[in-house]
């Protein structure tokens, strides 16, 4: 297991998004300087999209060599191409359509009207094969060593589309799975598994809002990953929780001491 998670708490979700975007720009630029390219795994949801919108608005965004950036997704709602609820559709609107990415390096998860039809398990296998093809001899198994992998934390502690107690969170062999019967709509999804998530150099968990406070406290309190999937999401070299004050409000004082007025 990686080192203990680090916590950064911001005053509100807007500041959190702007600071996380600035942090991401720096990490991508550093990785490109060190290795020639960078790889990032995006997350959907309000916090993931808020970060992308803040990155789009940042004057520093042009420091990134967008043509040398690989983008992957942690999960996807298994819906038709262009559906407004798809994470890929939302990411395009928030950032991707505004920057000069190499289309061959933008690895969207398959849609439900794609080559695999409405077979989420076949779509998951195809994405797993795409990840394996991108992995090099220096990587640890069947996925590339992502520079940054971002995850939104759900109020129930789910990350990607790994929900508490469901089969996907128990998966130890496959890197990508179809998810069926998800407790929030849509019920069918495609998701990275915890072993694939843990291939990343750094895993960033994003949580903002009072509705995330209990989830953050549970996941950071030593609860097992089957009951609290966010507890099982950690990086090889660093695990970073990026929170706003509301999401941090229920953390035990040994993790996040209250400020002294």
C-alpha atoms as a PDB file:
ATOM      1  CA  UNK A   1       0.000   0.000   0.000  1.00  0.00           C
ATOM      2  CA  UNK A   2       1.112   3.535  -0.666  1.00  0.00           C
ATOM      3  CA  UNK A   3       1.975   6.095   1.962  1.00  0.00           C
ATOM      4  CA  UNK A   4      -0.783   7.621   4.062  1.00  0.00           C
ATOM      5  CA  UNK A   5      -3.106   9.948   2.137  1.00  0.00           C
ATOM      6  CA  UNK A   6      -2.340  13.651   2.168  1.00  0.00           C
ATOM      7  CA  UNK A   7      -5.169  16.123   2.663  1.00  0.00           C
ATOM      8  CA  UNK A   8      -5.553  19.594   1.188  1.00  0.00           C
ATOM      9  CA  UNK A   9      -8.624  21.515   2.295  1.00  0.00           C
ATOM     10  CA  UNK A  10      -9.840  24.632   0.490  1.00  0.00           C
ATOM     11  CA  UNK A  11     -12.365  27.209   1.619  1.00  0.00           C
ATOM     12  CA  UNK A  12     -14.995  26.366  -1.008  1.00  0.00           C
ATOM     13  CA  UNK A  13     -15.515  24.254  -4.116  1.00  0.00           C
ATOM     14  CA  UNK A  14     -14.625  27.074  -6.538  1.00  0.00           C
ATOM     15  CA  UNK A  15     -11.255  27.630  -4.893  1.00  0.00           C
ATOM     16  CA  UNK A  16     -10.741  23.870  -4.743  1.00  0.00           C
ATOM     17  CA  UNK A  17     -11.362  23.558  -8.484  1.00  0.00           C
ATOM     18  CA  UNK A  18      -9.009  26.422  -9.336  1.00  0.00           C
ATOM     19  CA  UNK A  19      -6.231  25.146  -7.056  1.00  0.00           C
ATOM     20  CA  UNK A  20      -6.602  21.574  -8.328  1.00  0.00           C
ATOM     21  CA  UNK A  21      -6.467  22.814 -11.925  1.00  0.00           C
ATOM     22  CA  UNK A  22      -3.258  24.746 -11.186  1.00  0.00           C
ATOM     23  CA  UNK A  23      -1.796  21.662  -9.488  1.00  0.00           C
ATOM     24  CA  UNK A  24      -2.727  19.504 -12.498  1.00  0.00           C
ATOM     25  CA  UNK A  25      -1.139  21.902 -15.004  1.00  0.00           C
ATOM     26  CA  UNK A  26       2.115  21.811 -13.025  1.00  0.00           C
ATOM     27  CA  UNK A  27       2.095  18.011 -12.821  1.00  0.00           C
ATOM     28  CA  UNK A  28       1.448  17.591 -16.557  1.00  0.00           C
ATOM     29  CA  UNK A  29       4.179  20.075 -17.505  1.00  0.00           C
ATOM     30  CA  UNK A  30       6.641  18.368 -15.149  1.00  0.00           C
ATOM     31  CA  UNK A  31       5.823  14.911 -16.521  1.00  0.00           C
ATOM     32  CA  UNK A  32       6.195  16.110 -20.112  1.00  0.00           C
ATOM     33  CA  UNK A  33       9.559  17.648 -19.254  1.00  0.00           C
ATOM     34  CA  UNK A  34      10.725  14.424 -17.588  1.00  0.00           C
ATOM     35  CA  UNK A  35       9.338  11.805 -19.966  1.00  0.00           C
ATOM     36  CA  UNK A  36       8.222  13.617 -23.113  1.00  0.00           C
ATOM     37  CA  UNK A  37       4.530  12.978 -22.537  1.00  0.00           C
ATOM     38  CA  UNK A  38       1.986  12.733 -19.734  1.00  0.00           C
ATOM     39  CA  UNK A  39      -1.036  10.561 -19.020  1.00  0.00           C
ATOM     40  CA  UNK A  40      -4.048  11.614 -16.988  1.00  0.00           C
ATOM     41  CA  UNK A  41      -7.203   9.736 -16.034  1.00  0.00           C
ATOM     42  CA  UNK A  42     -10.245  12.015 -15.892  1.00  0.00           C
ATOM     43  CA  UNK A  43     -13.281  11.733 -13.680  1.00  0.00           C
ATOM     44  CA  UNK A  44     -16.815  12.946 -14.284  1.00  0.00           C
ATOM     45  CA  UNK A  45     -19.263  14.428 -11.834  1.00  0.00           C
ATOM     46  CA  UNK A  46     -19.568  17.986 -10.627  1.00  0.00           C
ATOM     47  CA  UNK A  47     -16.103  18.154  -9.072  1.00  0.00           C
ATOM     48  CA  UNK A  48     -14.295  16.557 -12.024  1.00  0.00           C
ATOM     49  CA  UNK A  49     -16.067  18.810 -14.493  1.00  0.00           C
ATOM     50  CA  UNK A  50     -15.529  21.825 -12.255  1.00  0.00           C
ATOM     51  CA  UNK A  51     -11.795  21.153 -12.319  1.00  0.00           C
ATOM     52  CA  UNK A  52     -11.776  20.865 -16.125  1.00  0.00           C
ATOM     53  CA  UNK A  53     -13.721  24.117 -16.487  1.00  0.00           C
ATOM     54  CA  UNK A  54     -11.255  25.842 -14.133  1.00  0.00           C
ATOM     55  CA  UNK A  55      -8.354  24.464 -16.179  1.00  0.00           C
ATOM     56  CA  UNK A  56      -9.972  25.792 -19.353  1.00  0.00           C
ATOM     57  CA  UNK A  57     -10.263  29.233 -17.770  1.00  0.00           C
ATOM     58  CA  UNK A  58      -6.683  29.265 -16.472  1.00  0.00           C
ATOM     59  CA  UNK A  59      -4.176  31.480 -18.316  1.00  0.00           C
ATOM     60  CA  UNK A  60      -1.565  28.806 -17.537  1.00  0.00           C
ATOM     61  CA  UNK A  61      -3.315  26.129 -19.576  1.00  0.00           C
ATOM     62  CA  UNK A  62      -1.168  26.903 -22.633  1.00  0.00           C
ATOM     63  CA  UNK A  63       1.925  25.748 -20.733  1.00  0.00           C
ATOM     64  CA  UNK A  64       0.719  22.204 -21.463  1.00  0.00           C
ATOM     65  CA  UNK A  65       1.781  20.560 -24.724  1.00  0.00           C
ATOM     66  CA  UNK A  66      -1.688  19.220 -25.459  1.00  0.00           C
ATOM     67  CA  UNK A  67      -0.456  17.085 -28.345  1.00  0.00           C
ATOM     68  CA  UNK A  68       1.706  15.064 -25.939  1.00  0.00           C
ATOM     69  CA  UNK A  69      -1.021  14.260 -23.430  1.00  0.00           C
ATOM     70  CA  UNK A  70      -2.857  10.945 -23.137  1.00  0.00           C
ATOM     71  CA  UNK A  71      -6.330  11.142 -21.607  1.00  0.00           C
ATOM     72  CA  UNK A  72      -8.141   8.149 -20.162  1.00  0.00           C
ATOM     73  CA  UNK A  73     -11.318   7.812 -18.109  1.00  0.00           C
ATOM     74  CA  UNK A  74     -11.878   6.128 -14.767  1.00  0.00           C
ATOM     75  CA  UNK A  75     -15.435   5.194 -15.641  1.00  0.00           C
ATOM     76  CA  UNK A  76     -18.244   5.958 -18.037  1.00  0.00           C
ATOM     77  CA  UNK A  77     -22.001   5.855 -18.084  1.00  0.00           C
ATOM     78  CA  UNK A  78     -22.890   3.263 -20.704  1.00  0.00           C
ATOM     79  CA  UNK A  79     -25.061   5.490 -22.867  1.00  0.00           C
ATOM     80  CA  UNK A  80     -25.142   6.411 -26.580  1.00  0.00           C
ATOM     81  CA  UNK A  81     -22.397   8.551 -28.115  1.00  0.00           C
ATOM     82  CA  UNK A  82     -23.050  12.241 -27.460  1.00  0.00           C
ATOM     83  CA  UNK A  83     -25.463  11.617 -24.581  1.00  0.00           C
ATOM     84  CA  UNK A  84     -25.222  14.649 -22.266  1.00  0.00           C
ATOM     85  CA  UNK A  85     -24.854  12.338 -19.252  1.00  0.00           C
ATOM     86  CA  UNK A  86     -21.695  10.681 -20.581  1.00  0.00           C
ATOM     87  CA  UNK A  87     -18.514  11.774 -18.811  1.00  0.00           C
ATOM     88  CA  UNK A  88     -16.808  12.119 -22.185  1.00  0.00           C
ATOM     89  CA  UNK A  89     -19.517  14.474 -23.488  1.00  0.00           C
ATOM     90  CA  UNK A  90     -19.252  16.620 -20.363  1.00  0.00           C
ATOM     91  CA  UNK A  91     -15.432  16.701 -20.528  1.00  0.00           C
ATOM     92  CA  UNK A  92     -15.563  17.833 -24.170  1.00  0.00           C
ATOM     93  CA  UNK A  93     -17.865  20.684 -23.205  1.00  0.00           C
ATOM     94  CA  UNK A  94     -15.821  21.699 -20.135  1.00  0.00           C
ATOM     95  CA  UNK A  95     -12.363  21.586 -21.742  1.00  0.00           C
ATOM     96  CA  UNK A  96     -11.459  19.127 -24.462  1.00  0.00           C
ATOM     97  CA  UNK A  97     -13.068  20.921 -27.417  1.00  0.00           C
ATOM     98  CA  UNK A  98     -11.113  24.075 -26.512  1.00  0.00           C
ATOM     99  CA  UNK A  99      -7.576  22.645 -26.572  1.00  0.00           C
ATOM    100  CA  UNK A 100      -5.459  21.092 -29.379  1.00  0.00           C
ATOM    101  CA  UNK A 101      -5.408  17.465 -28.264  1.00  0.00           C
ATOM    102  CA  UNK A 102      -4.207  14.615 -30.473  1.00  0.00           C
ATOM    103  CA  UNK A 103      -7.448  12.646 -31.118  1.00  0.00           C
ATOM    104  CA  UNK A 104      -5.477   9.385 -31.157  1.00  0.00           C
ATOM    105  CA  UNK A 105      -4.447  10.047 -27.565  1.00  0.00           C
ATOM    106  CA  UNK A 106      -7.961  10.710 -26.238  1.00  0.00           C
ATOM    107  CA  UNK A 107      -9.156   7.328 -25.027  1.00  0.00           C
ATOM    108  CA  UNK A 108     -12.906   7.593 -24.479  1.00  0.00           C
ATOM    109  CA  UNK A 109     -14.690   4.512 -23.165  1.00  0.00           C
ATOM    110  CA  UNK A 110     -17.064   2.854 -25.665  1.00  0.00           C
ATOM    111  CA  UNK A 111     -20.638   4.102 -25.971  1.00  0.00           C
ATOM    112  CA  UNK A 112     -23.706   1.860 -25.872  1.00  0.00           C
ATOM    113  CA  UNK A 113     -24.294   2.410 -29.593  1.00  0.00           C
ATOM    114  CA  UNK A 114     -20.672   1.687 -30.474  1.00  0.00           C
ATOM    115  CA  UNK A 115     -19.087  -1.443 -31.970  1.00  0.00           C
ATOM    116  CA  UNK A 116     -20.000  -3.558 -28.927  1.00  0.00           C
ATOM    117  CA  UNK A 117     -23.669  -2.605 -28.982  1.00  0.00           C
ATOM    118  CA  UNK A 118     -25.282  -2.590 -25.568  1.00  0.00           C
ATOM    119  CA  UNK A 119     -22.855  -5.211 -24.174  1.00  0.00           C
ATOM    120  CA  UNK A 120     -21.092  -3.362 -21.350  1.00  0.00           C
ATOM    121  CA  UNK A 121     -18.888  -6.358 -20.582  1.00  0.00           C
ATOM    122  CA  UNK A 122     -17.574  -6.474 -24.158  1.00  0.00           C
ATOM    123  CA  UNK A 123     -16.998  -2.700 -24.020  1.00  0.00           C
ATOM    124  CA  UNK A 124     -15.016  -3.174 -20.803  1.00  0.00           C
ATOM    125  CA  UNK A 125     -12.893  -5.902 -22.416  1.00  0.00           C
ATOM    126  CA  UNK A 126     -12.155  -3.617 -25.367  1.00  0.00           C
ATOM    127  CA  UNK A 127     -11.054  -0.780 -23.069  1.00  0.00           C
ATOM    128  CA  UNK A 128      -8.898  -3.192 -21.082  1.00  0.00           C
ATOM    129  CA  UNK A 129      -7.225  -4.237 -24.340  1.00  0.00           C
ATOM    130  CA  UNK A 130      -6.610  -0.576 -25.246  1.00  0.00           C
ATOM    131  CA  UNK A 131      -4.981  -0.001 -21.854  1.00  0.00           C
ATOM    132  CA  UNK A 132      -2.845  -3.123 -22.202  1.00  0.00           C
ATOM    133  CA  UNK A 133      -1.680  -2.015 -25.659  1.00  0.00           C
ATOM    134  CA  UNK A 134      -0.572   1.331 -24.189  1.00  0.00           C
ATOM    135  CA  UNK A 135       1.379  -0.298 -21.347  1.00  0.00           C
ATOM    136  CA  UNK A 136       5.115  -0.576 -21.850  1.00  0.00           C
ATOM    137  CA  UNK A 137       7.751  -2.880 -20.348  1.00  0.00           C
ATOM    138  CA  UNK A 138       8.412  -0.288 -17.659  1.00  0.00           C
ATOM    139  CA  UNK A 139       4.792  -0.432 -16.485  1.00  0.00           C
ATOM    140  CA  UNK A 140       3.388  -2.719 -13.827  1.00  0.00           C
ATOM    141  CA  UNK A 141       1.129  -5.085 -15.739  1.00  0.00           C
ATOM    142  CA  UNK A 142      -1.713  -4.428 -18.120  1.00  0.00           C
ATOM    143  CA  UNK A 143      -2.154  -0.672 -17.708  1.00  0.00           C
ATOM    144  CA  UNK A 144       0.141   2.301 -18.283  1.00  0.00           C
ATOM    145  CA  UNK A 145       1.558   3.986 -15.193  1.00  0.00           C
ATOM    146  CA  UNK A 146      -0.718   7.025 -15.249  1.00  0.00           C
ATOM    147  CA  UNK A 147       0.834  10.250 -13.999  1.00  0.00           C
ATOM    148  CA  UNK A 148      -2.377  11.464 -12.366  1.00  0.00           C
ATOM    149  CA  UNK A 149      -5.634   9.577 -11.854  1.00  0.00           C
ATOM    150  CA  UNK A 150      -8.526  11.672 -10.565  1.00  0.00           C
ATOM    151  CA  UNK A 151     -11.624  10.343  -8.852  1.00  0.00           C
ATOM    152  CA  UNK A 152     -14.722  12.028  -7.547  1.00  0.00           C
ATOM    153  CA  UNK A 153     -15.962  10.600  -4.247  1.00  0.00           C
ATOM    154  CA  UNK A 154     -19.676   9.846  -4.045  1.00  0.00           C
ATOM    155  CA  UNK A 155     -21.816  10.392  -0.931  1.00  0.00           C
ATOM    156  CA  UNK A 156     -21.830   6.583  -0.526  1.00  0.00           C
ATOM    157  CA  UNK A 157     -17.990   6.474  -0.813  1.00  0.00           C
ATOM    158  CA  UNK A 158     -18.065   5.129  -4.391  1.00  0.00           C
ATOM    159  CA  UNK A 159     -15.247   6.061  -6.770  1.00  0.00           C
ATOM    160  CA  UNK A 160     -15.323   5.588 -10.556  1.00  0.00           C
ATOM    161  CA  UNK A 161     -18.304   3.214 -10.814  1.00  0.00           C
ATOM    162  CA  UNK A 162     -17.144   1.005  -7.958  1.00  0.00           C
ATOM    163  CA  UNK A 163     -20.016   0.982  -5.461  1.00  0.00           C
ATOM    164  CA  UNK A 164     -19.923  -0.451  -1.936  1.00  0.00           C
ATOM    165  CA  UNK A 165     -20.394  -4.226  -1.762  1.00  0.00           C
ATOM    166  CA  UNK A 166     -21.071  -4.658  -5.509  1.00  0.00           C
ATOM    167  CA  UNK A 167     -19.032  -7.223  -7.508  1.00  0.00           C
ATOM    168  CA  UNK A 168     -16.918  -4.613  -9.336  1.00  0.00           C
ATOM    169  CA  UNK A 169     -15.226  -3.392  -6.146  1.00  0.00           C
ATOM    170  CA  UNK A 170     -14.171  -6.971  -5.348  1.00  0.00           C
ATOM    171  CA  UNK A 171     -12.483  -7.504  -8.742  1.00  0.00           C
ATOM    172  CA  UNK A 172      -8.788  -8.299  -8.386  1.00  0.00           C
ATOM    173  CA  UNK A 173      -7.817  -9.696 -11.816  1.00  0.00           C
ATOM    174  CA  UNK A 174      -9.397  -7.565 -14.537  1.00  0.00           C
ATOM    175  CA  UNK A 175      -8.513  -3.909 -15.114  1.00  0.00           C
ATOM    176  CA  UNK A 176     -11.896  -2.819 -16.530  1.00  0.00           C
ATOM    177  CA  UNK A 177     -15.361  -4.244 -15.829  1.00  0.00           C
ATOM    178  CA  UNK A 178     -18.938  -3.740 -16.881  1.00  0.00           C
ATOM    179  CA  UNK A 179     -21.065  -2.582 -13.963  1.00  0.00           C
ATOM    180  CA  UNK A 180     -24.692  -3.707 -13.773  1.00  0.00           C
ATOM    181  CA  UNK A 181     -27.341  -2.598 -11.306  1.00  0.00           C
ATOM    182  CA  UNK A 182     -25.515   0.523 -10.113  1.00  0.00           C
ATOM    183  CA  UNK A 183     -27.525   2.146  -7.302  1.00  0.00           C
ATOM    184  CA  UNK A 184     -27.567   5.505  -9.082  1.00  0.00           C
ATOM    185  CA  UNK A 185     -28.649   6.036 -12.694  1.00  0.00           C
ATOM    186  CA  UNK A 186     -27.778   4.922 -15.208  1.00  0.00           C
ATOM    187  CA  UNK A 187     -27.539   1.376 -13.836  1.00  0.00           C
ATOM    188  CA  UNK A 188     -25.115   0.156 -16.521  1.00  0.00           C
ATOM    189  CA  UNK A 189     -21.572   1.526 -16.593  1.00  0.00           C
ATOM    190  CA  UNK A 190     -17.973   0.699 -17.461  1.00  0.00           C
ATOM    191  CA  UNK A 191     -15.294   1.217 -14.824  1.00  0.00           C
ATOM    192  CA  UNK A 192     -11.639   0.780 -14.030  1.00  0.00           C
ATOM    193  CA  UNK A 193     -11.091  -1.609 -11.124  1.00  0.00           C
ATOM    194  CA  UNK A 194      -9.080  -0.899  -7.993  1.00  0.00           C
ATOM    195  CA  UNK A 195      -5.974  -2.710  -9.337  1.00  0.00           C
ATOM    196  CA  UNK A 196      -6.008  -0.472 -12.428  1.00  0.00           C
ATOM    197  CA  UNK A 197      -6.527   2.650 -10.307  1.00  0.00           C
ATOM    198  CA  UNK A 198      -3.581   1.704  -8.119  1.00  0.00           C
ATOM    199  CA  UNK A 199      -1.265   1.600 -11.147  1.00  0.00           C
ATOM    200  CA  UNK A 200      -1.198   5.423 -11.138  1.00  0.00           C
ATOM    201  CA  UNK A 201       1.739   7.355  -9.753  1.00  0.00           C
ATOM    202  CA  UNK A 202      -0.667   9.729  -8.040  1.00  0.00           C
ATOM    203  CA  UNK A 203      -4.344   9.281  -7.213  1.00  0.00           C
ATOM    204  CA  UNK A 204      -6.329  12.420  -6.427  1.00  0.00           C
ATOM    205  CA  UNK A 205      -9.713  12.100  -4.735  1.00  0.00           C
ATOM    206  CA  UNK A 206     -12.014  15.115  -5.093  1.00  0.00           C
ATOM    207  CA  UNK A 207     -14.795  15.852  -2.625  1.00  0.00           C
ATOM    208  CA  UNK A 208     -16.714  19.092  -2.176  1.00  0.00           C
ATOM    209  CA  UNK A 209     -19.969  19.837  -0.414  1.00  0.00           C
ATOM    210  CA  UNK A 210     -21.667  18.802   2.816  1.00  0.00           C
ATOM    211  CA  UNK A 211     -23.118  15.719   1.122  1.00  0.00           C
ATOM    212  CA  UNK A 212     -19.569  14.336   0.803  1.00  0.00           C
ATOM    213  CA  UNK A 213     -18.527  14.948   4.434  1.00  0.00           C
ATOM    214  CA  UNK A 214     -19.645  11.598   5.823  1.00  0.00           C
ATOM    215  CA  UNK A 215     -18.127   9.711   2.889  1.00  0.00           C
ATOM    216  CA  UNK A 216     -14.751  11.399   3.344  1.00  0.00           C
ATOM    217  CA  UNK A 217     -14.762  10.651   7.069  1.00  0.00           C
ATOM    218  CA  UNK A 218     -15.643   6.985   6.504  1.00  0.00           C
ATOM    219  CA  UNK A 219     -13.105   6.437   3.717  1.00  0.00           C
ATOM    220  CA  UNK A 220     -10.292   8.079   5.688  1.00  0.00           C
ATOM    221  CA  UNK A 221     -11.071   6.291   8.959  1.00  0.00           C
ATOM    222  CA  UNK A 222      -9.671   2.892   8.033  1.00  0.00           C
ATOM    223  CA  UNK A 223     -12.876   1.319   6.714  1.00  0.00           C
ATOM    224  CA  UNK A 224     -12.285  -1.527   4.244  1.00  0.00           C
ATOM    225  CA  UNK A 225     -12.497  -0.937   0.502  1.00  0.00           C
ATOM    226  CA  UNK A 226     -15.440  -3.331  -0.016  1.00  0.00           C
ATOM    227  CA  UNK A 227     -17.580  -1.179   2.283  1.00  0.00           C
ATOM    228  CA  UNK A 228     -15.930   2.117   1.250  1.00  0.00           C
ATOM    229  CA  UNK A 229     -14.380   1.878  -2.242  1.00  0.00           C
ATOM    230  CA  UNK A 230     -12.683   5.291  -1.854  1.00  0.00           C
ATOM    231  CA  UNK A 231     -10.544   3.722   0.889  1.00  0.00           C
ATOM    232  CA  UNK A 232      -9.047   1.368  -1.708  1.00  0.00           C
ATOM    233  CA  UNK A 233      -8.060   4.106  -4.160  1.00  0.00           C
ATOM    234  CA  UNK A 234      -4.413   5.009  -3.702  1.00  0.00           C
ATOM    235  CA  UNK A 235      -1.424   5.787  -5.868  1.00  0.00           C
ATOM    236  CA  UNK A 236       2.035   4.253  -6.126  1.00  0.00           C
ATOM    237  CA  UNK A 237       3.822   7.351  -4.880  1.00  0.00           C
ATOM    238  CA  UNK A 238       1.089   9.638  -3.603  1.00  0.00           C
ATOM    239  CA  UNK A 239      -2.576   9.718  -2.618  1.00  0.00           C
ATOM    240  CA  UNK A 240      -4.062  13.181  -2.369  1.00  0.00           C
ATOM    241  CA  UNK A 241      -7.488  14.097  -1.047  1.00  0.00           C
ATOM    242  CA  UNK A 242      -8.614  17.510  -2.333  1.00  0.00           C
ATOM    243  CA  UNK A 243     -11.547  18.749  -0.269  1.00  0.00           C
ATOM    244  CA  UNK A 244     -13.486  21.877   0.447  1.00  0.00           C
ATOM    245  CA  UNK A 245     -14.228  22.898   4.034  1.00  0.00           C
ATOM    246  CA  UNK A 246     -17.746  21.449   3.896  1.00  0.00           C
ATOM    247  CA  UNK A 247     -16.523  18.011   2.776  1.00  0.00           C
ATOM    248  CA  UNK A 248     -13.823  18.071   5.479  1.00  0.00           C
ATOM    249  CA  UNK A 249     -16.247  19.061   8.239  1.00  0.00           C
ATOM    250  CA  UNK A 250     -16.671  15.537   9.692  1.00  0.00           C
ATOM    251  CA  UNK A 251     -13.057  14.392   9.520  1.00  0.00           C
ATOM    252  CA  UNK A 252     -11.593  13.238  12.839  1.00  0.00           C
ATOM    253  CA  UNK A 253      -9.339  15.853  14.397  1.00  0.00           C
ATOM    254  CA  UNK A 254      -6.238  13.650  14.136  1.00  0.00           C
ATOM    255  CA  UNK A 255      -6.603  13.764  10.333  1.00  0.00           C
ATOM    256  CA  UNK A 256      -7.620  17.375  10.002  1.00  0.00           C
ATOM    257  CA  UNK A 257      -7.197  19.433  13.172  1.00  0.00           C
ATOM    258  CA  UNK A 258      -9.773  22.220  13.476  1.00  0.00           C
ATOM    259  CA  UNK A 259      -8.333  25.654  12.917  1.00  0.00           C
ATOM    260  CA  UNK A 260      -7.853  27.799  15.967  1.00  0.00           C
ATOM    261  CA  UNK A 261      -9.766  31.078  15.807  1.00  0.00           C
END
